[in-house]
Protein backbone atom coordinates (compact mmCIF):
# COMPACT_ATOMS: atom_id res chain seq x y z
CA UNK A 1 -57.55 -14.28 12.40
CA UNK A 2 -60.66 -14.49 10.84
CA UNK A 3 -59.24 -16.27 7.35
CA UNK A 4 -56.81 -15.55 5.35
CA UNK A 5 -58.11 -13.52 2.91
CA UNK A 6 -60.47 -11.26 2.69
CA UNK A 7 -62.33 -10.30 -0.94
CA UNK A 8 -63.72 -6.73 -0.57
CA UNK A 9 -66.71 -6.79 -3.33
CA UNK A 10 -69.08 -5.32 -4.79
CA UNK A 11 -70.48 -6.95 -7.72
CA UNK A 12 -71.39 -10.28 -6.71
CA UNK A 13 -71.92 -11.85 -10.50
CA UNK A 14 -68.38 -10.00 -11.26
CA UNK A 15 -66.87 -11.89 -8.25
CA UNK A 16 -68.68 -15.66 -8.56
CA UNK A 17 -65.80 -17.44 -10.78
CA UNK A 18 -62.80 -15.73 -8.64
CA UNK A 19 -65.14 -17.30 -5.69
CA UNK A 20 -65.65 -21.13 -7.57
CA UNK A 21 -61.65 -21.43 -7.82
CA UNK A 22 -60.83 -20.31 -4.36
CA UNK A 23 -63.33 -22.45 -2.91
CA UNK A 24 -62.39 -25.46 -5.56
CA UNK A 25 -58.67 -25.21 -4.38
CA UNK A 26 -59.51 -25.30 -0.61
CA UNK A 27 -58.78 -21.23 0.19
CA UNK A 28 -59.80 -19.79 3.67
CA UNK A 29 -61.73 -16.45 2.24
CA UNK A 30 -64.13 -14.30 3.22
CA UNK A 31 -66.15 -12.47 0.69
CA UNK A 32 -67.11 -8.77 2.11
CA UNK A 33 -70.27 -7.45 0.64
CA UNK A 34 -69.46 -3.23 0.37
CA UNK A 35 -72.75 -2.41 -0.23
CA UNK A 36 -74.01 -2.95 3.55
CA UNK A 37 -71.00 -3.32 5.36
CA UNK A 38 -68.87 -1.96 8.82
CA UNK A 39 -65.92 -2.19 10.36
CA UNK A 40 -64.43 -1.58 13.29
CA UNK A 41 -60.93 0.40 13.25
CA UNK A 42 -60.02 -1.59 16.66
CA UNK A 43 -60.72 -4.66 15.39
CA UNK A 44 -58.95 -4.82 11.65
CA UNK A 45 -57.35 -6.57 9.86
CA UNK A 46 -58.56 -10.34 10.64
CA UNK A 47 -56.55 -11.81 7.99
CA UNK A 48 -53.56 -11.79 6.42
CA UNK A 49 -54.65 -10.70 3.09
CA UNK A 50 -56.56 -8.08 1.49
CA UNK A 51 -57.76 -7.92 -1.66
CA UNK A 52 -60.00 -4.91 -2.92
CA UNK A 53 -62.19 -5.60 -6.00
CA UNK A 54 -64.69 -2.39 -5.39
CA UNK A 55 -65.26 -1.20 -8.70
CA UNK A 56 -66.02 2.54 -9.17
CA UNK A 57 -68.58 2.31 -11.40
CA UNK A 58 -70.79 0.76 -7.47
CA UNK A 59 -72.72 4.53 -8.25
CA UNK A 60 -74.09 3.55 -11.79
CA UNK A 61 -75.75 0.29 -9.72
CA UNK A 62 -76.96 2.65 -6.97
CA UNK A 63 -74.38 1.49 -4.76
CA UNK A 64 -72.44 4.92 -4.35
CA UNK A 65 -72.36 4.52 -0.33
CA UNK A 66 -69.53 1.19 -1.62
CA UNK A 67 -66.91 3.13 -2.94
CA UNK A 68 -66.22 5.46 0.53
CA UNK A 69 -66.21 2.22 2.68
CA UNK A 70 -64.17 0.75 0.79
CA UNK A 71 -61.16 3.75 0.50
CA UNK A 72 -61.85 4.23 4.40
CA UNK A 73 -61.00 0.48 4.93
CA UNK A 74 -58.24 -0.25 2.89
CA UNK A 75 -56.92 2.65 4.59
CA UNK A 76 -57.37 1.56 8.04
CA UNK A 77 -56.71 -1.68 6.71
CA UNK A 78 -52.79 -0.60 5.82
CA UNK A 79 -52.36 1.84 8.38
CA UNK A 80 -52.81 -1.06 10.84
CA UNK A 81 -50.32 -3.28 8.89
CA UNK A 82 -52.17 -4.89 6.55
CA UNK A 83 -51.81 -5.89 2.96
CA UNK A 84 -53.79 -5.27 0.56
CA UNK A 85 -54.05 -6.18 -2.86
CA UNK A 86 -55.00 -3.02 -5.33
CA UNK A 87 -54.76 -0.92 -2.15
CA UNK A 88 -54.88 2.43 -1.33
CA UNK A 89 -52.13 3.80 -3.92
CA UNK A 90 -53.66 1.70 -7.21
CA UNK A 91 -57.67 2.68 -5.79
CA UNK A 92 -57.24 6.62 -5.95
CA UNK A 93 -55.48 6.18 -9.42
CA UNK A 94 -59.08 3.98 -10.62
CA UNK A 95 -61.20 6.45 -8.89
CA UNK A 96 -59.71 9.58 -10.85
CA UNK A 97 -59.01 9.47 -14.80
CA UNK A 98 -56.94 13.05 -13.87
CA UNK A 99 -54.50 11.21 -12.15
CA UNK A 100 -54.12 8.51 -14.73
CA UNK A 101 -53.65 11.49 -17.13
CA UNK A 102 -50.88 12.93 -14.84
CA UNK A 103 -49.10 9.76 -14.45
CA UNK A 104 -49.40 8.81 -17.98
CA UNK A 105 -47.93 12.64 -18.81
CA UNK A 106 -44.76 11.86 -15.93
CA UNK A 107 -44.42 8.51 -17.64
CA UNK A 108 -44.10 10.29 -21.08
CA UNK A 109 -46.55 7.91 -22.43
CA UNK A 110 -49.30 9.45 -25.14
CA UNK A 111 -52.63 10.03 -23.15
CA UNK A 112 -55.36 12.32 -24.11
CA UNK A 113 -55.50 15.58 -23.22
CA UNK A 114 -57.83 16.22 -19.94
CA UNK A 115 -59.34 18.89 -18.12
CA UNK A 116 -61.69 18.72 -15.04
CA UNK A 117 -64.04 21.42 -13.65
CA UNK A 118 -66.96 21.33 -11.21
CA UNK A 119 -68.43 24.57 -12.89
CA UNK A 120 -69.36 24.50 -16.75
CA UNK A 121 -68.43 27.98 -16.54
CA UNK A 122 -64.93 27.55 -15.35
CA UNK A 123 -64.31 25.73 -18.99
CA UNK A 124 -64.99 28.75 -21.03
CA UNK A 125 -62.02 29.39 -23.15
CA UNK A 126 -59.54 27.02 -21.63
CA UNK A 127 -60.57 23.86 -24.14
CA UNK A 128 -61.30 24.66 -27.40
CA UNK A 129 -60.51 21.48 -29.07
CA UNK A 130 -63.73 20.06 -30.15
CA UNK A 131 -65.43 17.25 -30.56
CA UNK A 132 -64.36 16.37 -26.97
CA UNK A 133 -65.24 13.50 -24.97
CA UNK A 134 -67.36 14.48 -21.30
CA UNK A 135 -66.43 11.81 -18.94
CA UNK A 136 -67.53 11.61 -15.00
CA UNK A 137 -64.06 11.78 -13.42
CA UNK A 138 -64.87 8.93 -11.39
CA UNK A 139 -65.65 6.68 -14.18
CA UNK A 140 -66.71 3.56 -14.97
CA UNK A 141 -68.52 0.59 -17.03
CA UNK A 142 -68.32 4.11 -19.81
CA UNK A 143 -71.02 5.52 -17.66
CA UNK A 144 -72.52 8.88 -18.16
CA UNK A 145 -69.70 9.24 -21.62
CA UNK A 146 -71.10 11.81 -23.90
CA UNK A 147 -69.61 12.64 -27.43
CA UNK A 148 -69.39 16.42 -27.74
CA UNK A 149 -69.24 19.01 -30.65
CA UNK A 150 -68.99 22.26 -29.09
CA UNK A 151 -68.72 23.97 -25.66
CA UNK A 152 -72.86 25.09 -26.14
CA UNK A 153 -73.66 21.05 -26.34
CA UNK A 154 -71.52 21.02 -23.36
CA UNK A 155 -73.67 23.49 -21.71
CA UNK A 156 -76.93 22.35 -23.09
CA UNK A 157 -76.19 18.21 -22.03
CA UNK A 158 -75.34 19.18 -18.32
CA UNK A 159 -78.40 21.35 -18.19
CA UNK A 160 -80.85 18.89 -19.51
CA UNK A 161 -79.13 16.15 -17.24
CA UNK A 162 -77.63 17.46 -14.16
CA UNK A 163 -77.63 13.63 -12.41
CA UNK A 164 -74.45 13.75 -14.77
CA UNK A 165 -72.60 15.90 -12.11
CA UNK A 166 -72.99 12.51 -9.67
CA UNK A 167 -70.96 10.95 -7.85
CA UNK A 168 -68.78 13.42 -7.06
CA UNK A 169 -69.52 16.86 -8.84
CA UNK A 170 -66.08 16.24 -10.51
CA UNK A 171 -65.70 16.30 -14.53
CA UNK A 172 -64.01 15.95 -17.79
CA UNK A 173 -63.72 16.91 -20.99
CA UNK A 174 -61.13 14.38 -23.20
CA UNK A 175 -59.62 14.69 -26.38
CA UNK A 176 -61.22 12.48 -28.53
CA UNK A 177 -59.24 10.41 -31.24
CA UNK A 178 -61.01 8.23 -33.61
CA UNK A 179 -60.72 4.69 -34.41
CA UNK A 180 -60.68 2.15 -37.20
CA UNK A 181 -64.21 0.64 -36.15
CA UNK A 182 -62.88 -2.35 -37.15
CA UNK A 183 -59.99 -2.34 -34.74
CA UNK A 184 -61.28 -0.96 -32.20
CA UNK A 185 -59.17 -0.56 -29.05
CA UNK A 186 -56.92 -3.02 -27.67
CA UNK A 187 -57.30 -4.18 -23.66
CA UNK A 188 -54.34 -5.53 -21.76
CA UNK A 189 -54.67 -7.39 -18.17
CA UNK A 190 -51.73 -7.62 -15.53
CA UNK A 191 -51.32 -9.32 -12.97
CA UNK A 192 -48.53 -9.43 -11.14
CA UNK A 193 -46.52 -6.83 -13.12
CA UNK A 194 -46.51 -8.93 -15.72
CA UNK A 195 -48.94 -9.59 -19.00
CA UNK A 196 -51.70 -12.05 -18.85
CA UNK A 197 -52.90 -11.22 -22.25
CA UNK A 198 -54.07 -9.06 -24.43
CA UNK A 199 -57.49 -8.57 -26.13
CA UNK A 200 -59.14 -6.50 -28.99
CA UNK A 201 -62.11 -4.92 -28.05
CA UNK A 202 -64.58 -3.90 -30.96
CA UNK A 203 -67.06 -1.54 -29.24
CA UNK A 204 -70.12 -1.08 -32.17
CA UNK A 205 -70.37 2.42 -30.96
CA UNK A 206 -70.69 1.33 -26.99
CA UNK A 207 -68.74 2.86 -24.17
CA UNK A 208 -69.09 0.58 -21.80
CA UNK A 209 -66.51 -1.91 -22.61
CA UNK A 210 -66.16 -3.93 -19.98
CA UNK A 211 -64.46 -7.05 -20.61
CA UNK A 212 -67.32 -9.78 -17.68
CA UNK A 213 -69.02 -12.23 -19.23
CA UNK A 214 -72.10 -10.61 -17.51
CA UNK A 215 -71.54 -7.29 -18.75
CA UNK A 216 -71.67 -8.85 -22.37
CA UNK A 217 -71.94 -12.40 -22.33
CA UNK A 218 -70.38 -14.41 -25.01
CA UNK A 219 -74.01 -16.08 -26.33
CA UNK A 220 -75.21 -12.24 -27.13
CA UNK A 221 -77.43 -13.13 -24.10
CA UNK A 222 -79.12 -10.47 -22.08
CA UNK A 223 -76.55 -8.22 -19.71
CA UNK A 224 -77.09 -8.46 -15.88
CA UNK A 225 -74.94 -5.29 -14.68
CA UNK A 226 -76.25 -1.63 -15.47
CA UNK A 227 -75.11 -0.11 -18.79
CA UNK A 228 -75.00 3.45 -19.84
CA UNK A 229 -78.74 4.66 -21.48
CA UNK A 230 -77.49 4.06 -25.25
CA UNK A 231 -77.09 0.31 -26.14
CA UNK A 232 -75.54 -0.18 -29.56
CA UNK A 233 -77.43 -2.59 -32.09
CA UNK A 234 -74.19 -5.24 -32.48
CA UNK A 235 -73.03 -6.34 -28.86
CA UNK A 236 -69.58 -5.74 -28.05
CA UNK A 237 -66.66 -7.68 -29.82
CA UNK A 238 -63.40 -9.31 -27.81
CA UNK A 239 -60.98 -10.82 -30.21
CA UNK A 240 -57.56 -12.49 -28.56
CA UNK A 241 -54.58 -10.38 -29.55
CA UNK A 242 -51.29 -11.95 -29.66
CA UNK A 243 -49.67 -10.13 -31.79
CA UNK A 244 -49.59 -7.31 -29.05
CA UNK A 245 -46.81 -4.92 -29.70
CA UNK A 246 -43.72 -5.42 -27.16
CA UNK A 247 -43.42 -1.18 -26.29
CA UNK A 248 -47.40 -1.46 -25.38
CA UNK A 249 -46.89 -4.15 -22.91
CA UNK A 250 -43.18 -2.47 -21.63
CA UNK A 251 -45.66 0.99 -21.41
CA UNK A 252 -48.22 -1.17 -19.52
CA UNK A 253 -46.24 -2.67 -17.35
CA UNK A 254 -44.65 0.87 -16.29
CA UNK A 255 -47.94 2.42 -15.88
CA UNK A 256 -48.74 -0.97 -13.56
CA UNK A 257 -45.45 -0.53 -11.51
CA UNK A 258 -45.88 3.22 -11.22
CA UNK A 259 -48.98 3.07 -9.99
CA UNK A 260 -48.99 1.08 -7.21
CA UNK A 261 -51.70 -1.39 -9.43
CA UNK A 262 -51.34 -5.12 -8.38
CA UNK A 263 -54.01 -6.58 -10.74
CA UNK A 264 -55.10 -4.00 -13.51
CA UNK A 265 -56.05 -3.76 -17.37
CA UNK A 266 -54.66 -1.32 -19.50
CA UNK A 267 -56.48 0.20 -22.17
CA UNK A 268 -55.09 1.93 -25.51
CA UNK A 269 -56.55 2.70 -28.69
CA UNK A 270 -54.48 3.33 -31.84
CA UNK A 271 -54.13 7.13 -33.58
CA UNK A 272 -54.25 7.61 -37.40
CA UNK A 273 -50.44 8.65 -37.14
CA UNK A 274 -49.51 5.42 -35.55
CA UNK A 275 -49.24 6.44 -31.86
CA UNK A 276 -50.22 4.07 -29.24
CA UNK A 277 -52.92 6.37 -26.94
CA UNK A 278 -53.13 5.24 -22.99
CA UNK A 279 -56.54 6.40 -21.73
CA UNK A 280 -58.18 4.02 -18.93
CA UNK A 281 -56.73 2.46 -15.93
CA UNK A 282 -59.13 0.15 -14.46
CA UNK A 283 -57.80 -1.47 -10.96
CA UNK A 284 -60.76 -3.85 -10.55
CA UNK A 285 -59.86 -6.47 -13.65
CA UNK A 286 -62.81 -8.49 -14.61
CA UNK A 287 -61.07 -11.55 -16.88
CA UNK A 288 -62.77 -13.25 -19.63
CA UNK A 289 -62.43 -16.39 -19.73
CA UNK A 290 -63.14 -17.17 -22.88
CA UNK A 291 -60.23 -14.89 -24.04
CA UNK A 292 -57.97 -16.28 -21.75
CA UNK A 293 -59.04 -19.81 -23.12
CA UNK A 294 -57.75 -18.93 -26.26
CA UNK A 295 -53.95 -18.48 -24.70
CA UNK A 296 -54.75 -21.43 -23.45
CA UNK A 297 -55.34 -20.97 -19.25
CA UNK A 298 -58.24 -20.06 -16.77
CA UNK A 299 -57.57 -16.59 -15.73
CA UNK A 300 -58.90 -16.96 -12.42
CA UNK A 301 -56.74 -19.86 -11.46
CA UNK A 302 -53.73 -17.68 -12.65
CA UNK A 303 -55.64 -14.80 -9.63
CA UNK A 304 -55.72 -18.06 -6.99
CA UNK A 305 -51.85 -18.51 -7.84
CA UNK A 306 -50.64 -15.06 -7.18
CA UNK A 307 -53.11 -15.05 -4.00
CA UNK A 308 -51.77 -18.31 -3.15
CA UNK A 309 -47.90 -16.49 -3.39
CA UNK A 310 -48.84 -13.89 -1.50
CA UNK A 311 -50.51 -15.28 1.22
CA UNK A 312 -46.98 -17.48 1.54
CA UNK A 313 -44.99 -14.18 0.77
CA UNK A 314 -47.34 -12.55 3.73
CA UNK A 315 -46.07 -15.14 6.68
CA UNK A 316 -42.82 -14.82 5.81
CA UNK A 317 -42.79 -11.23 6.68
CA UNK A 318 -45.16 -11.74 9.62
CA UNK A 319 -43.00 -15.00 11.35
């Protein structure tokens, strides 16, 4: 074993707070950068525990190859008997918004109607619910999302922007729910199957609601990660939400349990009829320290605590 823990990652700025917390606690770990990587199938696993922090949005930053390598490595690790936090089951769910919708349907949780397609002509009369959101099936960081008013606008948008089909030539039309701009959406962070904290996110018109301070600095400074082309005039705002409804928390808990998610960010919006509409499941959960501090803790310290418990659990299983 070359280390107790290996962290799979693609975005170094997102992971720096976690790496700093692991180093401060003296945890034996190795970071594995997925952007340019290789692995020998006969030499894995090389650690007691793996933590998958790969992001579906890697292609937005020019790192398209990171995702297939991550998935291949994780599958090889699991086949060889390694424990992977947010393993292939969780990662495959994050990579597919249609699969997320299918899980929500099976659980009886309110969610937007969605249609996956690989050719605009196949949409035709199958979709009549406009306006609608156009999203990549493999989403992430709000990239390449459009609010469209008609089938003709969909056809024109794809004709004018053929790169929208990247990275996998699969797109999604999703039912649009207008939300109260002042209330925004709700994001709940889960760790080890339990709620870590919840926050309200006021988008200011942006689709990129990534909670990392790298993407949305607390002081309003320039972001250090790729953003969708349309940047709002005002920065996205994040607020602690201590009074998140118990029913919403329980639904989030069911999603992470049934989806095989160990660490996750679950997002929902509040429809005009009062329903909670769950619409996004994130396995690469970028935590926001200012929000967690409002609840009295450092989120990355909690993640390290969790990883240490999982390391102890793994050692007992291997003994």
